[in-house]
């Protein structure tokens, strides 16, 4: 399977900072609240990207210790 999008998420208590790469090029940067509503907002933005296919994407985030991981528990669908 080919991977076309790499999504990096920087997590803080208040915000999620999203960077979407296609190869070595950043094609989207966004900041959302660290809430379920914020995650849904970012996913709506991802769905508008040309050629978007979640099965050909990799999501990654840093280990944040005690900060809540709503994004890790979120079920895409």
PDB file of N, CA and C in Angstrom:
ATOM      1  N   UNK A   1       0.842  -1.175   0.000  1.00  0.00           N
ATOM      2  CA  UNK A   1       0.000   0.000   0.000  1.00  0.00           C
ATOM      3  C   UNK A   1       0.889   1.241   0.000  1.00  0.00           C
ATOM      4  N   UNK A   2       0.523   2.221  -0.795  1.00  0.00           N
ATOM      5  CA  UNK A   2       1.244   3.486  -0.834  1.00  0.00           C
ATOM      6  C   UNK A   2       0.658   4.455   0.184  1.00  0.00           C
ATOM      7  N   UNK A   3       1.538   5.164   0.868  1.00  0.00           N
ATOM      8  CA  UNK A   3       1.124   6.191   1.813  1.00  0.00           C
ATOM      9  C   UNK A   3       1.299   7.539   1.124  1.00  0.00           C
ATOM     10  N   UNK A   4       0.227   8.340   1.093  1.00  0.00           N
ATOM     11  CA  UNK A   4       0.269   9.632   0.414  1.00  0.00           C
ATOM     12  C   UNK A   4       0.268  10.813   1.369  1.00  0.00           C
ATOM     13  N   UNK A   5      -0.299  10.653   2.524  1.00  0.00           N
ATOM     14  CA  UNK A   5      -0.371  11.762   3.475  1.00  0.00           C
ATOM     15  C   UNK A   5       0.171  11.330   4.826  1.00  0.00           C
ATOM     16  N   UNK A   6       0.977  12.215   5.426  1.00  0.00           N
ATOM     17  CA  UNK A   6       1.486  12.038   6.775  1.00  0.00           C
ATOM     18  C   UNK A   6       0.946  13.189   7.603  1.00  0.00           C
ATOM     19  N   UNK A   7       0.245  12.877   8.675  1.00  0.00           N
ATOM     20  CA  UNK A   7      -0.393  13.894   9.511  1.00  0.00           C
ATOM     21  C   UNK A   7       0.284  13.876  10.873  1.00  0.00           C
ATOM     22  N   UNK A   8       0.959  14.971  11.188  1.00  0.00           N
ATOM     23  CA  UNK A   8       1.600  15.122  12.491  1.00  0.00           C
ATOM     24  C   UNK A   8       0.734  16.004  13.369  1.00  0.00           C
ATOM     25  N   UNK A   9       0.548  15.603  14.606  1.00  0.00           N
ATOM     26  CA  UNK A   9      -0.303  16.351  15.536  1.00  0.00           C
ATOM     27  C   UNK A   9       0.510  16.683  16.777  1.00  0.00           C
ATOM     28  N   UNK A  10       0.658  17.983  17.045  1.00  0.00           N
ATOM     29  CA  UNK A  10       1.315  18.448  18.258  1.00  0.00           C
ATOM     30  C   UNK A  10       0.220  18.701  19.285  1.00  0.00           C
ATOM     31  N   UNK A  11       0.326  18.045  20.434  1.00  0.00           N
ATOM     32  CA  UNK A  11      -0.752  18.060  21.417  1.00  0.00           C
ATOM     33  C   UNK A  11      -0.368  18.904  22.627  1.00  0.00           C
ATOM     34  N   UNK A  12      -1.283  19.779  23.021  1.00  0.00           N
ATOM     35  CA  UNK A  12      -1.155  20.465  24.302  1.00  0.00           C
ATOM     36  C   UNK A  12      -2.505  20.342  25.008  1.00  0.00           C
ATOM     37  N   UNK A  13      -2.583  20.792  26.245  1.00  0.00           N
ATOM     38  CA  UNK A  13      -3.848  20.687  26.977  1.00  0.00           C
ATOM     39  C   UNK A  13      -4.971  21.432  26.265  1.00  0.00           C
ATOM     40  N   UNK A  14      -4.655  22.558  25.656  1.00  0.00           N
ATOM     41  CA  UNK A  14      -5.688  23.406  25.068  1.00  0.00           C
ATOM     42  C   UNK A  14      -5.876  23.211  23.569  1.00  0.00           C
ATOM     43  N   UNK A  15      -4.800  22.877  22.845  1.00  0.00           N
ATOM     44  CA  UNK A  15      -4.895  22.855  21.380  1.00  0.00           C
ATOM     45  C   UNK A  15      -4.254  21.622  20.774  1.00  0.00           C
ATOM     46  N   UNK A  16      -4.638  21.394  19.524  1.00  0.00           N
ATOM     47  CA  UNK A  16      -4.004  20.401  18.661  1.00  0.00           C
ATOM     48  C   UNK A  16      -3.512  21.169  17.436  1.00  0.00           C
ATOM     49  N   UNK A  17      -2.227  21.060  17.133  1.00  0.00           N
ATOM     50  CA  UNK A  17      -1.669  21.697  15.945  1.00  0.00           C
ATOM     51  C   UNK A  17      -1.394  20.601  14.922  1.00  0.00           C
ATOM     52  N   UNK A  18      -2.020  20.735  13.768  1.00  0.00           N
ATOM     53  CA  UNK A  18      -1.990  19.716  12.725  1.00  0.00           C
ATOM     54  C   UNK A  18      -1.099  20.177  11.579  1.00  0.00           C
ATOM     55  N   UNK A  19      -0.265  19.274  11.062  1.00  0.00           N
ATOM     56  CA  UNK A  19       0.516  19.524   9.854  1.00  0.00           C
ATOM     57  C   UNK A  19       0.356  18.308   8.955  1.00  0.00           C
ATOM     58  N   UNK A  20      -0.061  18.553   7.726  1.00  0.00           N
ATOM     59  CA  UNK A  20      -0.284  17.463   6.776  1.00  0.00           C
ATOM     60  C   UNK A  20       0.767  17.577   5.673  1.00  0.00           C
ATOM     61  N   UNK A  21       1.505  16.503   5.499  1.00  0.00           N
ATOM     62  CA  UNK A  21       2.545  16.450   4.484  1.00  0.00           C
ATOM     63  C   UNK A  21       2.126  15.526   3.356  1.00  0.00           C
ATOM     64  N   UNK A  22       2.436  15.944   2.155  1.00  0.00           N
ATOM     65  CA  UNK A  22       2.348  15.084   0.974  1.00  0.00           C
ATOM     66  C   UNK A  22       3.771  15.015   0.454  1.00  0.00           C
ATOM     67  N   UNK A  23       4.434  13.906   0.718  1.00  0.00           N
ATOM     68  CA  UNK A  23       5.872  13.835   0.468  1.00  0.00           C
ATOM     69  C   UNK A  23       6.571  14.738   1.468  1.00  0.00           C
ATOM     70  N   UNK A  24       7.378  15.674   0.956  1.00  0.00           N
ATOM     71  CA  UNK A  24       8.085  16.612   1.839  1.00  0.00           C
ATOM     72  C   UNK A  24       7.416  17.974   1.872  1.00  0.00           C
ATOM     73  N   UNK A  25       6.247  18.086   1.269  1.00  0.00           N
ATOM     74  CA  UNK A  25       5.554  19.366   1.174  1.00  0.00           C
ATOM     75  C   UNK A  25       4.405  19.435   2.170  1.00  0.00           C
ATOM     76  N   UNK A  26       4.367  20.518   2.942  1.00  0.00           N
ATOM     77  CA  UNK A  26       3.231  20.738   3.844  1.00  0.00           C
ATOM     78  C   UNK A  26       2.070  21.258   2.997  1.00  0.00           C
ATOM     79  N   UNK A  27       0.953  20.547   3.037  1.00  0.00           N
ATOM     80  CA  UNK A  27      -0.200  20.965   2.244  1.00  0.00           C
ATOM     81  C   UNK A  27      -1.332  21.527   3.101  1.00  0.00           C
ATOM     82  N   UNK A  28      -1.232  21.370   4.422  1.00  0.00           N
ATOM     83  CA  UNK A  28      -2.245  21.923   5.315  1.00  0.00           C
ATOM     84  C   UNK A  28      -1.646  22.077   6.702  1.00  0.00           C
ATOM     85  N   UNK A  29      -1.905  23.227   7.315  1.00  0.00           N
ATOM     86  CA  UNK A  29      -1.584  23.450   8.718  1.00  0.00           C
ATOM     87  C   UNK A  29      -2.830  24.008   9.380  1.00  0.00           C
ATOM     88  N   UNK A  30      -3.151  23.501  10.551  1.00  0.00           N
ATOM     89  CA  UNK A  30      -4.343  23.966  11.264  1.00  0.00           C
ATOM     90  C   UNK A  30      -4.123  23.828  12.756  1.00  0.00           C
ATOM     91  N   UNK A  31      -4.842  24.633  13.504  1.00  0.00           N
ATOM     92  CA  UNK A  31      -4.843  24.537  14.957  1.00  0.00           C
ATOM     93  C   UNK A  31      -6.296  24.446  15.400  1.00  0.00           C
ATOM     94  N   UNK A  32      -6.594  23.475  16.254  1.00  0.00           N
ATOM     95  CA  UNK A  32      -7.950  23.286  16.750  1.00  0.00           C
ATOM     96  C   UNK A  32      -7.912  23.133  18.259  1.00  0.00           C
ATOM     97  N   UNK A  33      -9.038  23.346  18.909  1.00  0.00           N
ATOM     98  CA  UNK A  33      -9.090  23.044  20.347  1.00  0.00           C
ATOM     99  C   UNK A  33      -8.862  21.546  20.567  1.00  0.00           C
ATOM    100  N   UNK A  34      -8.301  21.191  21.697  1.00  0.00           N
ATOM    101  CA  UNK A  34      -8.093  19.790  22.038  1.00  0.00           C
ATOM    102  C   UNK A  34      -9.393  19.234  22.623  1.00  0.00           C
ATOM    103  N   UNK A  35     -10.387  19.116  21.738  1.00  0.00           N
ATOM    104  CA  UNK A  35     -11.711  18.612  22.098  1.00  0.00           C
ATOM    105  C   UNK A  35     -12.204  17.719  20.972  1.00  0.00           C
ATOM    106  N   UNK A  36     -13.256  16.982  21.241  1.00  0.00           N
ATOM    107  CA  UNK A  36     -13.863  16.171  20.188  1.00  0.00           C
ATOM    108  C   UNK A  36     -14.317  17.076  19.033  1.00  0.00           C
ATOM    109  N   UNK A  37     -14.907  18.216  19.338  1.00  0.00           N
ATOM    110  CA  UNK A  37     -15.335  19.144  18.283  1.00  0.00           C
ATOM    111  C   UNK A  37     -14.140  19.618  17.464  1.00  0.00           C
ATOM    112  N   UNK A  38     -13.004  19.888  18.116  1.00  0.00           N
ATOM    113  CA  UNK A  38     -11.804  20.308  17.396  1.00  0.00           C
ATOM    114  C   UNK A  38     -11.273  19.214  16.480  1.00  0.00           C
ATOM    115  N   UNK A  39     -11.304  17.985  16.938  1.00  0.00           N
ATOM    116  CA  UNK A  39     -10.867  16.856  16.120  1.00  0.00           C
ATOM    117  C   UNK A  39     -11.773  16.710  14.903  1.00  0.00           C
ATOM    118  N   UNK A  40     -13.070  16.811  15.118  1.00  0.00           N
ATOM    119  CA  UNK A  40     -14.016  16.700  13.996  1.00  0.00           C
ATOM    120  C   UNK A  40     -13.793  17.816  12.981  1.00  0.00           C
ATOM    121  N   UNK A  41     -13.476  19.016  13.456  1.00  0.00           N
ATOM    122  CA  UNK A  41     -13.186  20.132  12.557  1.00  0.00           C
ATOM    123  C   UNK A  41     -11.980  19.809  11.683  1.00  0.00           C
ATOM    124  N   UNK A  42     -10.917  19.312  12.291  1.00  0.00           N
ATOM    125  CA  UNK A  42      -9.712  18.968  11.527  1.00  0.00           C
ATOM    126  C   UNK A  42      -9.997  17.853  10.521  1.00  0.00           C
ATOM    127  N   UNK A  43     -10.765  16.850  10.916  1.00  0.00           N
ATOM    128  CA  UNK A  43     -11.069  15.754   9.994  1.00  0.00           C
ATOM    129  C   UNK A  43     -11.904  16.225   8.813  1.00  0.00           C
ATOM    130  N   UNK A  44     -12.794  17.189   9.047  1.00  0.00           N
ATOM    131  CA  UNK A  44     -13.547  17.763   7.921  1.00  0.00           C
ATOM    132  C   UNK A  44     -12.602  18.460   6.939  1.00  0.00           C
ATOM    133  N   UNK A  45     -11.590  19.143   7.479  1.00  0.00           N
ATOM    134  CA  UNK A  45     -10.603  19.792   6.612  1.00  0.00           C
ATOM    135  C   UNK A  45      -9.793  18.762   5.831  1.00  0.00           C
ATOM    136  N   UNK A  46      -9.421  17.669   6.476  1.00  0.00           N
ATOM    137  CA  UNK A  46      -8.672  16.618   5.786  1.00  0.00           C
ATOM    138  C   UNK A  46      -9.471  16.042   4.621  1.00  0.00           C
ATOM    139  N   UNK A  47     -10.762  15.857   4.823  1.00  0.00           N
ATOM    140  CA  UNK A  47     -11.612  15.273   3.776  1.00  0.00           C
ATOM    141  C   UNK A  47     -11.690  16.145   2.525  1.00  0.00           C
ATOM    142  N   UNK A  48     -11.332  17.428   2.636  1.00  0.00           N
ATOM    143  CA  UNK A  48     -11.379  18.323   1.467  1.00  0.00           C
ATOM    144  C   UNK A  48     -10.087  18.286   0.660  1.00  0.00           C
ATOM    145  N   UNK A  49      -9.054  17.616   1.159  1.00  0.00           N
ATOM    146  CA  UNK A  49      -7.784  17.568   0.439  1.00  0.00           C
ATOM    147  C   UNK A  49      -7.921  16.734  -0.837  1.00  0.00           C
ATOM    148  N   UNK A  50      -7.328  17.189  -1.934  1.00  0.00           N
ATOM    149  CA  UNK A  50      -7.362  16.391  -3.165  1.00  0.00           C
ATOM    150  C   UNK A  50      -6.713  15.029  -2.942  1.00  0.00           C
ATOM    151  N   UNK A  51      -7.383  13.979  -3.355  1.00  0.00           N
ATOM    152  CA  UNK A  51      -6.843  12.628  -3.236  1.00  0.00           C
ATOM    153  C   UNK A  51      -6.858  12.070  -1.825  1.00  0.00           C
ATOM    154  N   UNK A  52      -7.607  12.683  -0.915  1.00  0.00           N
ATOM    155  CA  UNK A  52      -7.634  12.221   0.472  1.00  0.00           C
ATOM    156  C   UNK A  52      -8.179  10.811   0.578  1.00  0.00           C
ATOM    157  N   UNK A  53      -7.441   9.944   1.237  1.00  0.00           N
ATOM    158  CA  UNK A  53      -7.878   8.584   1.520  1.00  0.00           C
ATOM    159  C   UNK A  53      -7.270   8.202   2.875  1.00  0.00           C
ATOM    160  N   UNK A  54      -8.099   8.089   3.917  1.00  0.00           N
ATOM    161  CA  UNK A  54      -7.542   7.785   5.243  1.00  0.00           C
ATOM    162  C   UNK A  54      -6.790   6.456   5.288  1.00  0.00           C
ATOM    163  N   UNK A  55      -7.091   5.540   4.377  1.00  0.00           N
ATOM    164  CA  UNK A  55      -6.394   4.254   4.357  1.00  0.00           C
ATOM    165  C   UNK A  55      -4.992   4.386   3.773  1.00  0.00           C
ATOM    166  N   UNK A  56      -4.690   5.528   3.169  1.00  0.00           N
ATOM    167  CA  UNK A  56      -3.368   5.771   2.623  1.00  0.00           C
ATOM    168  C   UNK A  56      -2.707   6.951   3.351  1.00  0.00           C
ATOM    169  N   UNK A  57      -3.017   7.058   4.629  1.00  0.00           N
ATOM    170  CA  UNK A  57      -2.499   8.142   5.458  1.00  0.00           C
ATOM    171  C   UNK A  57      -1.956   7.574   6.758  1.00  0.00           C
ATOM    172  N   UNK A  58      -0.982   8.286   7.315  1.00  0.00           N
ATOM    173  CA  UNK A  58      -0.406   7.907   8.604  1.00  0.00           C
ATOM    174  C   UNK A  58      -0.566   9.098   9.539  1.00  0.00           C
ATOM    175  N   UNK A  59      -1.143   8.841  10.708  1.00  0.00           N
ATOM    176  CA  UNK A  59      -1.289   9.855  11.748  1.00  0.00           C
ATOM    177  C   UNK A  59      -0.230   9.590  12.808  1.00  0.00           C
ATOM    178  N   UNK A  60       0.435  10.643  13.269  1.00  0.00           N
ATOM    179  CA  UNK A  60       1.413  10.458  14.336  1.00  0.00           C
ATOM    180  C   UNK A  60       1.365  11.644  15.299  1.00  0.00           C
ATOM    181  N   UNK A  61       1.691  11.363  16.556  1.00  0.00           N
ATOM    182  CA  UNK A  61       1.723  12.397  17.590  1.00  0.00           C
ATOM    183  C   UNK A  61       2.747  11.985  18.621  1.00  0.00           C
ATOM    184  N   UNK A  62       3.186  12.974  19.385  1.00  0.00           N
ATOM    185  CA  UNK A  62       4.188  12.671  20.407  1.00  0.00           C
ATOM    186  C   UNK A  62       3.521  12.114  21.658  1.00  0.00           C
ATOM    187  N   UNK A  63       4.296  11.414  22.441  1.00  0.00           N
ATOM    188  CA  UNK A  63       3.812  10.940  23.733  1.00  0.00           C
ATOM    189  C   UNK A  63       3.737  12.147  24.658  1.00  0.00           C
ATOM    190  N   UNK A  64       2.587  12.379  25.255  1.00  0.00           N
ATOM    191  CA  UNK A  64       2.401  13.591  26.047  1.00  0.00           C
ATOM    192  C   UNK A  64       2.230  13.320  27.537  1.00  0.00           C
ATOM    193  N   UNK A  65       2.451  12.123  27.962  1.00  0.00           N
ATOM    194  CA  UNK A  65       2.351  11.831  29.392  1.00  0.00           C
ATOM    195  C   UNK A  65       0.926  11.945  29.888  1.00  0.00           C
ATOM    196  N   UNK A  66       0.686  12.894  30.791  1.00  0.00           N
ATOM    197  CA  UNK A  66      -0.615  12.968  31.435  1.00  0.00           C
ATOM    198  C   UNK A  66      -1.659  13.768  30.670  1.00  0.00           C
ATOM    199  N   UNK A  67      -1.269  14.433  29.574  1.00  0.00           N
ATOM    200  CA  UNK A  67      -2.255  15.181  28.785  1.00  0.00           C
ATOM    201  C   UNK A  67      -3.252  14.189  28.182  1.00  0.00           C
ATOM    202  N   UNK A  68      -4.522  14.536  28.222  1.00  0.00           N
ATOM    203  CA  UNK A  68      -5.559  13.640  27.684  1.00  0.00           C
ATOM    204  C   UNK A  68      -5.334  13.382  26.209  1.00  0.00           C
ATOM    205  N   UNK A  69      -5.597  12.171  25.776  1.00  0.00           N
ATOM    206  CA  UNK A  69      -5.372  11.768  24.396  1.00  0.00           C
ATOM    207  C   UNK A  69      -6.687  11.555  23.658  1.00  0.00           C
ATOM    208  N   UNK A  70      -7.525  12.565  23.613  1.00  0.00           N
ATOM    209  CA  UNK A  70      -8.800  12.418  22.901  1.00  0.00           C
ATOM    210  C   UNK A  70      -8.564  12.028  21.444  1.00  0.00           C
ATOM    211  N   UNK A  71      -7.540  12.586  20.832  1.00  0.00           N
ATOM    212  CA  UNK A  71      -7.282  12.284  19.426  1.00  0.00           C
ATOM    213  C   UNK A  71      -6.897  10.809  19.240  1.00  0.00           C
ATOM    214  N   UNK A  72      -6.232  10.228  20.203  1.00  0.00           N
ATOM    215  CA  UNK A  72      -5.851   8.812  20.109  1.00  0.00           C
ATOM    216  C   UNK A  72      -7.062   7.906  20.283  1.00  0.00           C
ATOM    217  N   UNK A  73      -8.040   8.358  21.040  1.00  0.00           N
ATOM    218  CA  UNK A  73      -9.236   7.545  21.275  1.00  0.00           C
ATOM    219  C   UNK A  73     -10.327   7.778  20.228  1.00  0.00           C
ATOM    220  N   UNK A  74     -10.130   8.790  19.378  1.00  0.00           N
ATOM    221  CA  UNK A  74     -11.168   9.158  18.426  1.00  0.00           C
ATOM    222  C   UNK A  74     -11.285   8.099  17.335  1.00  0.00           C
ATOM    223  N   UNK A  75     -12.488   7.716  17.024  1.00  0.00           N
ATOM    224  CA  UNK A  75     -12.729   6.710  15.983  1.00  0.00           C
ATOM    225  C   UNK A  75     -13.113   7.431  14.697  1.00  0.00           C
ATOM    226  N   UNK A  76     -12.254   7.276  13.690  1.00  0.00           N
ATOM    227  CA  UNK A  76     -12.486   7.917  12.396  1.00  0.00           C
ATOM    228  C   UNK A  76     -13.546   7.128  11.630  1.00  0.00           C
ATOM    229  N   UNK A  77     -14.469   7.853  11.043  1.00  0.00           N
ATOM    230  CA  UNK A  77     -15.455   7.111  10.267  1.00  0.00           C
ATOM    231  C   UNK A  77     -16.576   7.874   9.796  1.00  0.00           C
TER     232      UNK A  77
END
